[in-house]
Amino acid sequence: MKTIAALAALLAVAAPARAEVRWFKTIEEGTAAAKELNKPLLVDFWADWCAACNVMEKEVYPTDEFASASSAF
């Protein structure tokens, strides 16, 4: 069973036509990458029992709209 986890998101552009979101598994990795790129950090707190978390993971995070909106992170 998963516990509440903090994931840091940082946008990484894989190709000019399509942006992808890069998720880090630790806050330390995400913070280091954000500092290196001089970008703010988006922290996602998640739990497997959280209905809203599951909706975000399945219906929001995989979309092009989310990748575009998070390009500053």
PDB file of N, CA and C in Angstrom:
ATOM      1  N   MET A   1       0.834  -1.171   0.000  1.00  0.00           N
ATOM      2  CA  MET A   1       0.000   0.000   0.000  1.00  0.00           C
ATOM      3  C   MET A   1       0.881   1.237   0.000  1.00  0.00           C
ATOM      4  N   LYS A   2       0.539   2.141  -0.880  1.00  0.00           N
ATOM      5  CA  LYS A   2       1.310   3.378  -0.963  1.00  0.00           C
ATOM      6  C   LYS A   2       0.932   4.300   0.170  1.00  0.00           C
ATOM      7  N   THR A   3       1.892   5.037   0.636  1.00  0.00           N
ATOM      8  CA  THR A   3       1.629   6.065   1.645  1.00  0.00           C
ATOM      9  C   THR A   3       1.671   7.419   0.962  1.00  0.00           C
ATOM     10  N   ILE A   4       1.335   8.435   1.717  1.00  0.00           N
ATOM     11  CA  ILE A   4       1.375   9.782   1.141  1.00  0.00           C
ATOM     12  C   ILE A   4       2.800  10.065   0.695  1.00  0.00           C
ATOM     13  N   ALA A   5       2.929  10.491  -0.531  1.00  0.00           N
ATOM     14  CA  ALA A   5       4.257  10.728  -1.094  1.00  0.00           C
ATOM     15  C   ALA A   5       4.330  12.142  -1.662  1.00  0.00           C
ATOM     16  N   ALA A   6       5.467  12.736  -1.546  1.00  0.00           N
ATOM     17  CA  ALA A   6       5.700  14.053  -2.138  1.00  0.00           C
ATOM     18  C   ALA A   6       6.501  13.846  -3.415  1.00  0.00           C
ATOM     19  N   LEU A   7       5.961  14.332  -4.502  1.00  0.00           N
ATOM     20  CA  LEU A   7       6.646  14.225  -5.777  1.00  0.00           C
ATOM     21  C   LEU A   7       6.866  15.629  -6.319  1.00  0.00           C
ATOM     22  N   ALA A   8       8.000  15.876  -6.812  1.00  0.00           N
ATOM     23  CA  ALA A   8       8.292  17.183  -7.387  1.00  0.00           C
ATOM     24  C   ALA A   8       8.196  17.080  -8.896  1.00  0.00           C
ATOM     25  N   ALA A   9       7.514  18.018  -9.483  1.00  0.00           N
ATOM     26  CA  ALA A   9       7.343  18.028 -10.931  1.00  0.00           C
ATOM     27  C   ALA A   9       8.170  19.146 -11.523  1.00  0.00           C
ATOM     28  N   LEU A  10       8.841  18.808 -12.563  1.00  0.00           N
ATOM     29  CA  LEU A  10       9.619  19.803 -13.281  1.00  0.00           C
ATOM     30  C   LEU A  10       9.447  19.513 -14.759  1.00  0.00           C
ATOM     31  N   LEU A  11       9.088  20.485 -15.531  1.00  0.00           N
ATOM     32  CA  LEU A  11       8.870  20.271 -16.946  1.00  0.00           C
ATOM     33  C   LEU A  11      10.198  20.082 -17.663  1.00  0.00           C
ATOM     34  N   ALA A  12      10.241  19.047 -18.479  1.00  0.00           N
ATOM     35  CA  ALA A  12      11.405  18.816 -19.333  1.00  0.00           C
ATOM     36  C   ALA A  12      10.899  18.699 -20.760  1.00  0.00           C
ATOM     37  N   VAL A  13      11.445  19.461 -21.640  1.00  0.00           N
ATOM     38  CA  VAL A  13      10.986  19.427 -23.024  1.00  0.00           C
ATOM     39  C   VAL A  13      11.762  18.348 -23.771  1.00  0.00           C
ATOM     40  N   ALA A  14      11.046  17.319 -24.205  1.00  0.00           N
ATOM     41  CA  ALA A  14      11.662  16.202 -24.908  1.00  0.00           C
ATOM     42  C   ALA A  14      11.854  16.538 -26.380  1.00  0.00           C
ATOM     43  N   ALA A  15      10.910  17.249 -26.951  1.00  0.00           N
ATOM     44  CA  ALA A  15      10.967  17.652 -28.348  1.00  0.00           C
ATOM     45  C   ALA A  15      10.194  18.959 -28.467  1.00  0.00           C
ATOM     46  N   PRO A  16      10.555  19.800 -29.411  1.00  0.00           N
ATOM     47  CA  PRO A  16       9.872  21.084 -29.523  1.00  0.00           C
ATOM     48  C   PRO A  16       8.363  20.964 -29.708  1.00  0.00           C
ATOM     49  N   ALA A  17       7.890  19.916 -30.370  1.00  0.00           N
ATOM     50  CA  ALA A  17       6.465  19.778 -30.662  1.00  0.00           C
ATOM     51  C   ALA A  17       5.661  19.269 -29.472  1.00  0.00           C
ATOM     52  N   ARG A  18       6.283  18.576 -28.533  1.00  0.00           N
ATOM     53  CA  ARG A  18       5.526  17.942 -27.447  1.00  0.00           C
ATOM     54  C   ARG A  18       6.281  18.072 -26.138  1.00  0.00           C
ATOM     55  N   ALA A  19       5.675  18.727 -25.168  1.00  0.00           N
ATOM     56  CA  ALA A  19       6.287  18.874 -23.843  1.00  0.00           C
ATOM     57  C   ALA A  19       5.884  17.698 -22.969  1.00  0.00           C
ATOM     58  N   GLU A  20       6.780  17.252 -22.121  1.00  0.00           N
ATOM     59  CA  GLU A  20       6.493  16.184 -21.183  1.00  0.00           C
ATOM     60  C   GLU A  20       6.852  16.647 -19.781  1.00  0.00           C
ATOM     61  N   VAL A  21       6.106  16.159 -18.814  1.00  0.00           N
ATOM     62  CA  VAL A  21       6.356  16.517 -17.424  1.00  0.00           C
ATOM     63  C   VAL A  21       7.314  15.507 -16.822  1.00  0.00           C
ATOM     64  N   ARG A  22       8.341  15.993 -16.152  1.00  0.00           N
ATOM     65  CA  ARG A  22       9.317  15.127 -15.489  1.00  0.00           C
ATOM     66  C   ARG A  22       8.991  15.094 -14.010  1.00  0.00           C
ATOM     67  N   TRP A  23       8.665  13.929 -13.482  1.00  0.00           N
ATOM     68  CA  TRP A  23       8.358  13.756 -12.056  1.00  0.00           C
ATOM     69  C   TRP A  23       9.575  13.177 -11.356  1.00  0.00           C
ATOM     70  N   PHE A  24       9.914  13.739 -10.206  1.00  0.00           N
ATOM     71  CA  PHE A  24      11.020  13.241  -9.396  1.00  0.00           C
ATOM     72  C   PHE A  24      10.442  12.471  -8.216  1.00  0.00           C
ATOM     73  N   LYS A  25      11.173  11.463  -7.747  1.00  0.00           N
ATOM     74  CA  LYS A  25      10.686  10.623  -6.653  1.00  0.00           C
ATOM     75  C   LYS A  25      11.000  11.187  -5.277  1.00  0.00           C
ATOM     76  N   THR A  26      11.945  12.096  -5.203  1.00  0.00           N
ATOM     77  CA  THR A  26      12.264  12.704  -3.906  1.00  0.00           C
ATOM     78  C   THR A  26      12.248  14.217  -4.031  1.00  0.00           C
ATOM     79  N   ILE A  27      11.956  14.855  -2.924  1.00  0.00           N
ATOM     80  CA  ILE A  27      11.948  16.312  -2.887  1.00  0.00           C
ATOM     81  C   ILE A  27      13.355  16.864  -3.109  1.00  0.00           C
ATOM     82  N   GLU A  28      14.355  16.118  -2.675  1.00  0.00           N
ATOM     83  CA  GLU A  28      15.750  16.552  -2.858  1.00  0.00           C
ATOM     84  C   GLU A  28      16.117  16.610  -4.341  1.00  0.00           C
ATOM     85  N   GLU A  29      15.744  15.586  -5.107  1.00  0.00           N
ATOM     86  CA  GLU A  29      16.032  15.573  -6.550  1.00  0.00           C
ATOM     87  C   GLU A  29      15.314  16.722  -7.263  1.00  0.00           C
ATOM     88  N   GLY A  30      14.045  16.899  -6.939  1.00  0.00           N
ATOM     89  CA  GLY A  30      13.267  17.960  -7.568  1.00  0.00           C
ATOM     90  C   GLY A  30      13.778  19.340  -7.223  1.00  0.00           C
ATOM     91  N   THR A  31      14.136  19.540  -5.968  1.00  0.00           N
ATOM     92  CA  THR A  31      14.666  20.832  -5.529  1.00  0.00           C
ATOM     93  C   THR A  31      15.984  21.148  -6.230  1.00  0.00           C
ATOM     94  N   ALA A  32      16.850  20.172  -6.333  1.00  0.00           N
ATOM     95  CA  ALA A  32      18.138  20.379  -7.009  1.00  0.00           C
ATOM     96  C   ALA A  32      17.926  20.752  -8.478  1.00  0.00           C
ATOM     97  N   ALA A  33      17.023  20.049  -9.153  1.00  0.00           N
ATOM     98  CA  ALA A  33      16.754  20.342 -10.567  1.00  0.00           C
ATOM     99  C   ALA A  33      16.123  21.726 -10.722  1.00  0.00           C
ATOM    100  N   ALA A  34      15.201  22.081  -9.836  1.00  0.00           N
ATOM    101  CA  ALA A  34      14.566  23.399  -9.907  1.00  0.00           C
ATOM    102  C   ALA A  34      15.581  24.514  -9.698  1.00  0.00           C
ATOM    103  N   LYS A  35      16.480  24.325  -8.741  1.00  0.00           N
ATOM    104  CA  LYS A  35      17.520  25.325  -8.504  1.00  0.00           C
ATOM    105  C   LYS A  35      18.437  25.461  -9.713  1.00  0.00           C
ATOM    106  N   GLU A  36      18.820  24.324 -10.287  1.00  0.00           N
ATOM    107  CA  GLU A  36      19.720  24.340 -11.445  1.00  0.00           C
ATOM    108  C   GLU A  36      19.092  25.075 -12.628  1.00  0.00           C
ATOM    109  N   LEU A  37      17.790  24.884 -12.842  1.00  0.00           N
ATOM    110  CA  LEU A  37      17.096  25.513 -13.965  1.00  0.00           C
ATOM    111  C   LEU A  37      16.449  26.842 -13.595  1.00  0.00           C
ATOM    112  N   ASN A  38      16.586  27.241 -12.320  1.00  0.00           N
ATOM    113  CA  ASN A  38      15.998  28.487 -11.831  1.00  0.00           C
ATOM    114  C   ASN A  38      14.493  28.552 -12.101  1.00  0.00           C
ATOM    115  N   LYS A  39      13.798  27.464 -11.724  1.00  0.00           N
ATOM    116  CA  LYS A  39      12.349  27.381 -11.909  1.00  0.00           C
ATOM    117  C   LYS A  39      11.691  27.040 -10.575  1.00  0.00           C
ATOM    118  N   PRO A  40      10.425  27.454 -10.398  1.00  0.00           N
ATOM    119  CA  PRO A  40       9.721  27.069  -9.173  1.00  0.00           C
ATOM    120  C   PRO A  40       9.395  25.587  -9.181  1.00  0.00           C
ATOM    121  N   LEU A  41       9.050  25.085  -8.018  1.00  0.00           N
ATOM    122  CA  LEU A  41       8.799  23.670  -7.815  1.00  0.00           C
ATOM    123  C   LEU A  41       7.312  23.431  -7.589  1.00  0.00           C
ATOM    124  N   LEU A  42       6.750  22.425  -8.227  1.00  0.00           N
ATOM    125  CA  LEU A  42       5.376  21.995  -7.985  1.00  0.00           C
ATOM    126  C   LEU A  42       5.449  20.698  -7.208  1.00  0.00           C
ATOM    127  N   VAL A  43       4.879  20.680  -6.010  1.00  0.00           N
ATOM    128  CA  VAL A  43       4.920  19.486  -5.167  1.00  0.00           C
ATOM    129  C   VAL A  43       3.527  18.873  -5.133  1.00  0.00           C
ATOM    130  N   ASP A  44       3.445  17.592  -5.435  1.00  0.00           N
ATOM    131  CA  ASP A  44       2.176  16.867  -5.452  1.00  0.00           C
ATOM    132  C   ASP A  44       2.164  15.880  -4.293  1.00  0.00           C
ATOM    133  N   PHE A  45       1.223  16.052  -3.374  1.00  0.00           N
ATOM    134  CA  PHE A  45       1.046  15.099  -2.278  1.00  0.00           C
ATOM    135  C   PHE A  45      -0.039  14.125  -2.703  1.00  0.00           C
ATOM    136  N   TRP A  46       0.210  12.834  -2.546  1.00  0.00           N
ATOM    137  CA  TRP A  46      -0.661  11.813  -3.104  1.00  0.00           C
ATOM    138  C   TRP A  46      -0.865  10.670  -2.120  1.00  0.00           C
ATOM    139  N   ALA A  47      -2.045  10.077  -2.152  1.00  0.00           N
ATOM    140  CA  ALA A  47      -2.331   8.875  -1.371  1.00  0.00           C
ATOM    141  C   ALA A  47      -3.238   7.978  -2.207  1.00  0.00           C
ATOM    142  N   ASP A  48      -3.036   6.666  -2.141  1.00  0.00           N
ATOM    143  CA  ASP A  48      -3.825   5.758  -2.976  1.00  0.00           C
ATOM    144  C   ASP A  48      -5.304   5.748  -2.621  1.00  0.00           C
ATOM    145  N   TRP A  49      -5.675   6.135  -1.410  1.00  0.00           N
ATOM    146  CA  TRP A  49      -7.075   6.168  -0.986  1.00  0.00           C
ATOM    147  C   TRP A  49      -7.771   7.476  -1.341  1.00  0.00           C
ATOM    148  N   CYS A  50      -7.040   8.447  -1.845  1.00  0.00           N
ATOM    149  CA  CYS A  50      -7.572   9.778  -2.144  1.00  0.00           C
ATOM    150  C   CYS A  50      -8.219   9.794  -3.532  1.00  0.00           C
ATOM    151  N   ALA A  51      -9.541   9.988  -3.574  1.00  0.00           N
ATOM    152  CA  ALA A  51     -10.262   9.985  -4.851  1.00  0.00           C
ATOM    153  C   ALA A  51      -9.774  11.101  -5.780  1.00  0.00           C
ATOM    154  N   ALA A  52      -9.599  12.297  -5.248  1.00  0.00           N
ATOM    155  CA  ALA A  52      -9.137  13.414  -6.072  1.00  0.00           C
ATOM    156  C   ALA A  52      -7.730  13.166  -6.623  1.00  0.00           C
ATOM    157  N   CYS A  53      -6.873  12.544  -5.817  1.00  0.00           N
ATOM    158  CA  CYS A  53      -5.510  12.213  -6.265  1.00  0.00           C
ATOM    159  C   CYS A  53      -5.554  11.265  -7.463  1.00  0.00           C
ATOM    160  N   ASN A  54      -6.424  10.267  -7.395  1.00  0.00           N
ATOM    161  CA  ASN A  54      -6.539   9.298  -8.474  1.00  0.00           C
ATOM    162  C   ASN A  54      -7.090   9.927  -9.748  1.00  0.00           C
ATOM    163  N   VAL A  55      -8.034  10.857  -9.614  1.00  0.00           N
ATOM    164  CA  VAL A  55      -8.548  11.573 -10.781  1.00  0.00           C
ATOM    165  C   VAL A  55      -7.429  12.394 -11.416  1.00  0.00           C
ATOM    166  N   MET A  56      -6.673  13.125 -10.592  1.00  0.00           N
ATOM    167  CA  MET A  56      -5.568  13.934 -11.117  1.00  0.00           C
ATOM    168  C   MET A  56      -4.556  13.066 -11.857  1.00  0.00           C
ATOM    169  N   GLU A  57      -4.192  11.920 -11.264  1.00  0.00           N
ATOM    170  CA  GLU A  57      -3.197  11.036 -11.873  1.00  0.00           C
ATOM    171  C   GLU A  57      -3.674  10.460 -13.205  1.00  0.00           C
ATOM    172  N   LYS A  58      -4.943  10.103 -13.297  1.00  0.00           N
ATOM    173  CA  LYS A  58      -5.462   9.446 -14.502  1.00  0.00           C
ATOM    174  C   LYS A  58      -5.981  10.409 -15.559  1.00  0.00           C
ATOM    175  N   GLU A  59      -6.576  11.543 -15.121  1.00  0.00           N
ATOM    176  CA  GLU A  59      -7.273  12.398 -16.074  1.00  0.00           C
ATOM    177  C   GLU A  59      -6.657  13.772 -16.296  1.00  0.00           C
ATOM    178  N   VAL A  60      -5.768  14.206 -15.414  1.00  0.00           N
ATOM    179  CA  VAL A  60      -5.211  15.556 -15.545  1.00  0.00           C
ATOM    180  C   VAL A  60      -3.737  15.517 -15.936  1.00  0.00           C
ATOM    181  N   TYR A  61      -2.911  14.855 -15.127  1.00  0.00           N
ATOM    182  CA  TYR A  61      -1.463  14.862 -15.365  1.00  0.00           C
ATOM    183  C   TYR A  61      -1.042  14.337 -16.739  1.00  0.00           C
ATOM    184  N   PRO A  62      -1.721  13.355 -17.324  1.00  0.00           N
ATOM    185  CA  PRO A  62      -1.279  12.857 -18.637  1.00  0.00           C
ATOM    186  C   PRO A  62      -1.648  13.755 -19.833  1.00  0.00           C
ATOM    187  N   THR A  63      -2.384  14.837 -19.612  1.00  0.00           N
ATOM    188  CA  THR A  63      -2.871  15.648 -20.730  1.00  0.00           C
ATOM    189  C   THR A  63      -1.841  16.657 -21.235  1.00  0.00           C
ATOM    190  N   ASP A  64      -2.001  17.014 -22.494  1.00  0.00           N
ATOM    191  CA  ASP A  64      -1.165  18.055 -23.077  1.00  0.00           C
ATOM    192  C   ASP A  64      -1.417  19.398 -22.385  1.00  0.00           C
ATOM    193  N   GLU A  65      -2.656  19.622 -21.964  1.00  0.00           N
ATOM    194  CA  GLU A  65      -2.996  20.869 -21.293  1.00  0.00           C
ATOM    195  C   GLU A  65      -2.209  21.028 -19.991  1.00  0.00           C
ATOM    196  N   PHE A  66      -2.070  19.948 -19.228  1.00  0.00           N
ATOM    197  CA  PHE A  66      -1.307  20.019 -17.993  1.00  0.00           C
ATOM    198  C   PHE A  66       0.169  20.263 -18.296  1.00  0.00           C
ATOM    199  N   ALA A  67       0.694  19.570 -19.291  1.00  0.00           N
ATOM    200  CA  ALA A  67       2.111  19.755 -19.661  1.00  0.00           C
ATOM    201  C   ALA A  67       2.354  21.202 -20.066  1.00  0.00           C
ATOM    202  N   SER A  68       1.439  21.763 -20.826  1.00  0.00           N
ATOM    203  CA  SER A  68       1.592  23.152 -21.260  1.00  0.00           C
ATOM    204  C   SER A  68       1.492  24.116 -20.081  1.00  0.00           C
ATOM    205  N   ALA A  69       0.495  23.902 -19.212  1.00  0.00           N
ATOM    206  CA  ALA A  69       0.289  24.788 -18.062  1.00  0.00           C
ATOM    207  C   ALA A  69       1.455  24.721 -17.076  1.00  0.00           C
ATOM    208  N   SER A  70       2.123  23.591 -17.011  1.00  0.00           N
ATOM    209  CA  SER A  70       3.215  23.431 -16.045  1.00  0.00           C
ATOM    210  C   SER A  70       4.592  23.731 -16.639  1.00  0.00           C
ATOM    211  N   SER A  71       4.610  24.329 -17.801  1.00  0.00           N
ATOM    212  CA  SER A  71       5.891  24.583 -18.469  1.00  0.00           C
ATOM    213  C   SER A  71       6.821  25.512 -17.683  1.00  0.00           C
ATOM    214  N   ALA A  72       6.259  26.307 -16.796  1.00  0.00           N
ATOM    215  CA  ALA A  72       7.099  27.217 -15.998  1.00  0.00           C
ATOM    216  C   ALA A  72       7.755  26.520 -14.808  1.00  0.00           C
ATOM    217  N   PHE A  73       7.368  25.272 -14.543  1.00  0.00           N
ATOM    218  CA  PHE A  73       7.891  24.542 -13.386  1.00  0.00           C
ATOM    219  C   PHE A  73       8.952  23.553 -13.804  1.00  0.00           C
TER     220      PHE A  73
END
